[in-house]
Amino acid sequence: MTFGEKLKIARTEAGLKQAELAKQLNTTGNTISNWENNVSKPDLDMLSYICGILHVNASFFLQPSLPEDEVSIQELRMIKKYRTLDSHGKEMVDFTLTKEYERSESLREPQDNVTQMQAHLMPNAAHESTTPYTAEERQDDDNMLN
């Protein structure tokens, strides 16, 4: 992800338009547009101000891509919201997250579409009688099948 793409994500997640960010940085909307389109990049001092306004770490912009264990801006905001919940709210979020994780994981596993027939659905044909019958009756059944 390029610097410009990251800047646009951080800006939009902060709920700011290019002009609004430009005003806070004392620059122009055209400058913000150039940064987001990778025409140019801000200097380190300006990057520091951008990070402060958008509430992101400089590593978000400077690393080529987010490491797997690094949280995104959206995830960081969710964590902040989670921390403000009472114990019931946290319990509800934990329950929902666990169930959704289990559901997602089950979708990744190969599905076996063949299931065992339940006993009450098994055919109960006349020749499968559980009552004992004579050799003559067995022979009659066999003759009917041949």
C-alpha atoms as a PDB file:
ATOM      1  CA  MET A   1       0.000   0.000   0.000  1.00  0.00           C
ATOM      2  CA  THR A   2       1.425   3.390  -0.944  1.00  0.00           C
ATOM      3  CA  PHE A   3       1.812   6.395   1.321  1.00  0.00           C
ATOM      4  CA  GLY A   4      -0.997   8.142  -0.543  1.00  0.00           C
ATOM      5  CA  GLU A   5      -3.387   5.220  -0.106  1.00  0.00           C
ATOM      6  CA  LYS A   6      -2.597   5.081   3.612  1.00  0.00           C
ATOM      7  CA  LEU A   7      -3.102   8.828   3.982  1.00  0.00           C
ATOM      8  CA  LYS A   8      -6.487   8.656   2.274  1.00  0.00           C
ATOM      9  CA  ILE A   9      -7.580   5.748   4.495  1.00  0.00           C
ATOM     10  CA  ALA A  10      -6.476   7.546   7.657  1.00  0.00           C
ATOM     11  CA  ARG A  11      -8.112  10.810   6.560  1.00  0.00           C
ATOM     12  CA  THR A  12     -11.452   9.241   5.635  1.00  0.00           C
ATOM     13  CA  GLU A  13     -11.522   7.147   8.814  1.00  0.00           C
ATOM     14  CA  ALA A  14     -10.949  10.364  10.751  1.00  0.00           C
ATOM     15  CA  GLY A  15     -14.003  11.756   8.954  1.00  0.00           C
ATOM     16  CA  LEU A  16     -12.098  14.579   7.287  1.00  0.00           C
ATOM     17  CA  LYS A  17     -12.297  15.914   3.737  1.00  0.00           C
ATOM     18  CA  GLN A  18      -9.104  16.907   1.961  1.00  0.00           C
ATOM     19  CA  ALA A  19      -9.908  20.590   2.461  1.00  0.00           C
ATOM     20  CA  GLU A  20     -10.524  20.094   6.184  1.00  0.00           C
ATOM     21  CA  LEU A  21      -7.209  18.305   6.678  1.00  0.00           C
ATOM     22  CA  ALA A  22      -5.476  20.960   4.581  1.00  0.00           C
ATOM     23  CA  LYS A  23      -6.908  23.738   6.761  1.00  0.00           C
ATOM     24  CA  GLN A  24      -5.697  22.028   9.964  1.00  0.00           C
ATOM     25  CA  LEU A  25      -2.239  21.604   8.430  1.00  0.00           C
ATOM     26  CA  ASN A  26      -2.204  25.172   7.080  1.00  0.00           C
ATOM     27  CA  THR A  27      -1.742  23.953   3.518  1.00  0.00           C
ATOM     28  CA  THR A  28      -3.937  23.549   0.435  1.00  0.00           C
ATOM     29  CA  GLY A  29      -6.370  20.861  -0.647  1.00  0.00           C
ATOM     30  CA  ASN A  30      -4.247  20.486  -3.776  1.00  0.00           C
ATOM     31  CA  THR A  31      -1.257  19.538  -1.614  1.00  0.00           C
ATOM     32  CA  ILE A  32      -3.307  16.863   0.169  1.00  0.00           C
ATOM     33  CA  SER A  33      -4.489  15.587  -3.212  1.00  0.00           C
ATOM     34  CA  ASN A  34      -0.898  15.400  -4.447  1.00  0.00           C
ATOM     35  CA  TRP A  35       0.111  13.404  -1.369  1.00  0.00           C
ATOM     36  CA  GLU A  36      -2.822  11.013  -1.751  1.00  0.00           C
ATOM     37  CA  ASN A  37      -2.067  10.537  -5.450  1.00  0.00           C
ATOM     38  CA  ASN A  38       1.634   9.950  -4.724  1.00  0.00           C
ATOM     39  CA  VAL A  39       2.707  12.989  -6.734  1.00  0.00           C
ATOM     40  CA  SER A  40       4.637  14.263  -3.727  1.00  0.00           C
ATOM     41  CA  LYS A  41       5.112  13.471  -0.041  1.00  0.00           C
ATOM     42  CA  PRO A  42       5.148  15.623   3.081  1.00  0.00           C
ATOM     43  CA  ASP A  43       8.367  16.260   4.968  1.00  0.00           C
ATOM     44  CA  LEU A  44       8.928  14.637   8.372  1.00  0.00           C
ATOM     45  CA  ASP A  45       7.730  17.669  10.329  1.00  0.00           C
ATOM     46  CA  MET A  46       4.492  17.738   8.372  1.00  0.00           C
ATOM     47  CA  LEU A  47       4.127  13.965   8.777  1.00  0.00           C
ATOM     48  CA  SER A  48       4.309  14.454  12.529  1.00  0.00           C
ATOM     49  CA  TYR A  49       1.413  16.940  12.369  1.00  0.00           C
ATOM     50  CA  ILE A  50      -0.565  14.595  10.110  1.00  0.00           C
ATOM     51  CA  CYS A  51      -0.127  11.755  12.597  1.00  0.00           C
ATOM     52  CA  GLY A  52      -1.312  13.963  15.427  1.00  0.00           C
ATOM     53  CA  ILE A  53      -4.414  15.157  13.588  1.00  0.00           C
ATOM     54  CA  LEU A  54      -5.365  11.716  12.254  1.00  0.00           C
ATOM     55  CA  HIS A  55      -4.422   9.904  15.497  1.00  0.00           C
ATOM     56  CA  VAL A  56      -2.124   7.361  13.844  1.00  0.00           C
ATOM     57  CA  ASN A  57       1.462   6.291  14.481  1.00  0.00           C
ATOM     58  CA  ALA A  58       4.145   7.301  12.007  1.00  0.00           C
ATOM     59  CA  SER A  59       4.859   3.594  11.520  1.00  0.00           C
ATOM     60  CA  PHE A  60       1.476   3.326   9.797  1.00  0.00           C
ATOM     61  CA  PHE A  61       2.798   5.556   7.004  1.00  0.00           C
ATOM     62  CA  LEU A  62       6.450   4.516   7.017  1.00  0.00           C
ATOM     63  CA  GLN A  63       6.169   0.724   6.972  1.00  0.00           C
ATOM     64  CA  PRO A  64       5.657  -0.788   3.490  1.00  0.00           C
ATOM     65  CA  SER A  65       2.644  -2.743   4.743  1.00  0.00           C
ATOM     66  CA  LEU A  66       1.075  -3.516   8.063  1.00  0.00           C
ATOM     67  CA  PRO A  67       2.601  -6.537   9.768  1.00  0.00           C
ATOM     68  CA  GLU A  68       0.093  -9.218  10.685  1.00  0.00           C
ATOM     69  CA  ASP A  69       0.306  -8.355  14.375  1.00  0.00           C
ATOM     70  CA  GLU A  70      -0.053  -4.589  13.798  1.00  0.00           C
ATOM     71  CA  VAL A  71      -3.519  -3.101  14.218  1.00  0.00           C
ATOM     72  CA  SER A  72      -5.136  -0.898  11.609  1.00  0.00           C
ATOM     73  CA  ILE A  73      -6.706   2.460  12.408  1.00  0.00           C
ATOM     74  CA  GLN A  74     -10.173   0.927  12.367  1.00  0.00           C
ATOM     75  CA  GLU A  75      -9.079  -1.875  14.708  1.00  0.00           C
ATOM     76  CA  LEU A  76      -7.493   0.654  17.064  1.00  0.00           C
ATOM     77  CA  ARG A  77     -10.763   2.590  17.217  1.00  0.00           C
ATOM     78  CA  MET A  78     -12.629  -0.642  17.984  1.00  0.00           C
ATOM     79  CA  ILE A  79     -10.214  -1.408  20.800  1.00  0.00           C
ATOM     80  CA  LYS A  80     -10.753   2.076  22.265  1.00  0.00           C
ATOM     81  CA  LYS A  81     -14.537   1.580  22.114  1.00  0.00           C
ATOM     82  CA  TYR A  82     -14.214  -1.871  23.680  1.00  0.00           C
ATOM     83  CA  ARG A  83     -12.236  -0.458  26.587  1.00  0.00           C
ATOM     84  CA  THR A  84     -15.094   1.935  27.430  1.00  0.00           C
ATOM     85  CA  LEU A  85     -17.684  -0.859  27.678  1.00  0.00           C
ATOM     86  CA  ASP A  86     -18.953  -2.149  30.994  1.00  0.00           C
ATOM     87  CA  SER A  87     -18.526  -5.841  31.879  1.00  0.00           C
ATOM     88  CA  HIS A  88     -21.842  -6.822  30.232  1.00  0.00           C
ATOM     89  CA  GLY A  89     -20.904  -5.060  27.002  1.00  0.00           C
ATOM     90  CA  LYS A  90     -17.489  -6.722  26.938  1.00  0.00           C
ATOM     91  CA  GLU A  91     -19.113 -10.097  27.576  1.00  0.00           C
ATOM     92  CA  MET A  92     -21.497  -9.557  24.627  1.00  0.00           C
ATOM     93  CA  VAL A  93     -18.669  -8.515  22.295  1.00  0.00           C
ATOM     94  CA  ASP A  94     -16.520 -11.461  23.403  1.00  0.00           C
ATOM     95  CA  PHE A  95     -19.394 -13.901  22.838  1.00  0.00           C
ATOM     96  CA  THR A  96     -20.193 -12.518  19.388  1.00  0.00           C
ATOM     97  CA  LEU A  97     -16.537 -12.441  18.365  1.00  0.00           C
ATOM     98  CA  THR A  98     -16.004 -16.038  19.501  1.00  0.00           C
ATOM     99  CA  LYS A  99     -19.073 -17.311  17.625  1.00  0.00           C
ATOM    100  CA  GLU A 100     -18.180 -15.413  14.443  1.00  0.00           C
ATOM    101  CA  TYR A 101     -14.600 -16.681  14.627  1.00  0.00           C
ATOM    102  CA  GLU A 102     -15.825 -20.272  15.001  1.00  0.00           C
ATOM    103  CA  ARG A 103     -18.232 -19.797  12.069  1.00  0.00           C
ATOM    104  CA  SER A 104     -15.484 -18.346   9.873  1.00  0.00           C
ATOM    105  CA  GLU A 105     -13.071 -21.121  10.777  1.00  0.00           C
ATOM    106  CA  SER A 106     -15.671 -23.789   9.990  1.00  0.00           C
ATOM    107  CA  LEU A 107     -16.116 -22.276   6.530  1.00  0.00           C
ATOM    108  CA  ARG A 108     -12.391 -22.716   5.875  1.00  0.00           C
ATOM    109  CA  GLU A 109     -12.482 -26.431   6.661  1.00  0.00           C
ATOM    110  CA  PRO A 110     -13.356 -28.782   3.793  1.00  0.00           C
ATOM    111  CA  GLN A 111     -17.002 -29.691   3.952  1.00  0.00           C
ATOM    112  CA  ASP A 112     -18.011 -33.355   3.962  1.00  0.00           C
ATOM    113  CA  ASN A 113     -21.391 -33.376   2.249  1.00  0.00           C
ATOM    114  CA  VAL A 114     -22.019 -37.035   3.052  1.00  0.00           C
ATOM    115  CA  THR A 115     -23.765 -37.554   6.359  1.00  0.00           C
ATOM    116  CA  GLN A 116     -24.810 -40.689   8.152  1.00  0.00           C
ATOM    117  CA  MET A 117     -28.482 -41.557   7.857  1.00  0.00           C
ATOM    118  CA  GLN A 118     -30.245 -41.232  11.165  1.00  0.00           C
ATOM    119  CA  ALA A 119     -31.720 -44.497  12.454  1.00  0.00           C
ATOM    120  CA  HIS A 120     -35.342 -43.329  12.344  1.00  0.00           C
ATOM    121  CA  LEU A 121     -34.910 -42.495   8.635  1.00  0.00           C
ATOM    122  CA  MET A 122     -33.493 -45.882   7.641  1.00  0.00           C
ATOM    123  CA  PRO A 123     -35.707 -47.975   5.362  1.00  0.00           C
ATOM    124  CA  ASN A 124     -37.721 -50.592   7.171  1.00  0.00           C
ATOM    125  CA  ALA A 125     -38.518 -53.084   4.397  1.00  0.00           C
ATOM    126  CA  ALA A 126     -40.459 -56.312   4.919  1.00  0.00           C
ATOM    127  CA  HIS A 127     -37.412 -58.531   4.346  1.00  0.00           C
ATOM    128  CA  GLU A 128     -35.592 -56.808   7.217  1.00  0.00           C
ATOM    129  CA  SER A 129     -38.003 -58.085   9.795  1.00  0.00           C
ATOM    130  CA  THR A 130     -36.591 -58.524  13.259  1.00  0.00           C
ATOM    131  CA  THR A 131     -38.945 -61.370  14.048  1.00  0.00           C
ATOM    132  CA  PRO A 132     -37.522 -64.845  13.440  1.00  0.00           C
ATOM    133  CA  TYR A 133     -38.869 -66.642  10.395  1.00  0.00           C
ATOM    134  CA  THR A 134     -38.509 -70.152   9.030  1.00  0.00           C
ATOM    135  CA  ALA A 135     -36.176 -71.374   6.324  1.00  0.00           C
ATOM    136  CA  GLU A 136     -39.215 -71.814   4.072  1.00  0.00           C
ATOM    137  CA  GLU A 137     -40.247 -68.162   4.553  1.00  0.00           C
ATOM    138  CA  ARG A 138     -36.665 -67.062   3.847  1.00  0.00           C
ATOM    139  CA  GLN A 139     -36.665 -69.124   0.638  1.00  0.00           C
ATOM    140  CA  ASP A 140     -39.986 -67.505  -0.414  1.00  0.00           C
ATOM    141  CA  ASP A 141     -38.443 -64.035   0.111  1.00  0.00           C
ATOM    142  CA  ASP A 142     -35.351 -64.989  -1.901  1.00  0.00           C
ATOM    143  CA  ASN A 143     -37.515 -66.378  -4.728  1.00  0.00           C
ATOM    144  CA  MET A 144     -39.449 -63.115  -4.915  1.00  0.00           C
ATOM    145  CA  LEU A 145     -36.219 -61.138  -5.257  1.00  0.00           C
ATOM    146  CA  ASN A 146     -34.840 -63.346  -8.065  1.00  0.00           C
END
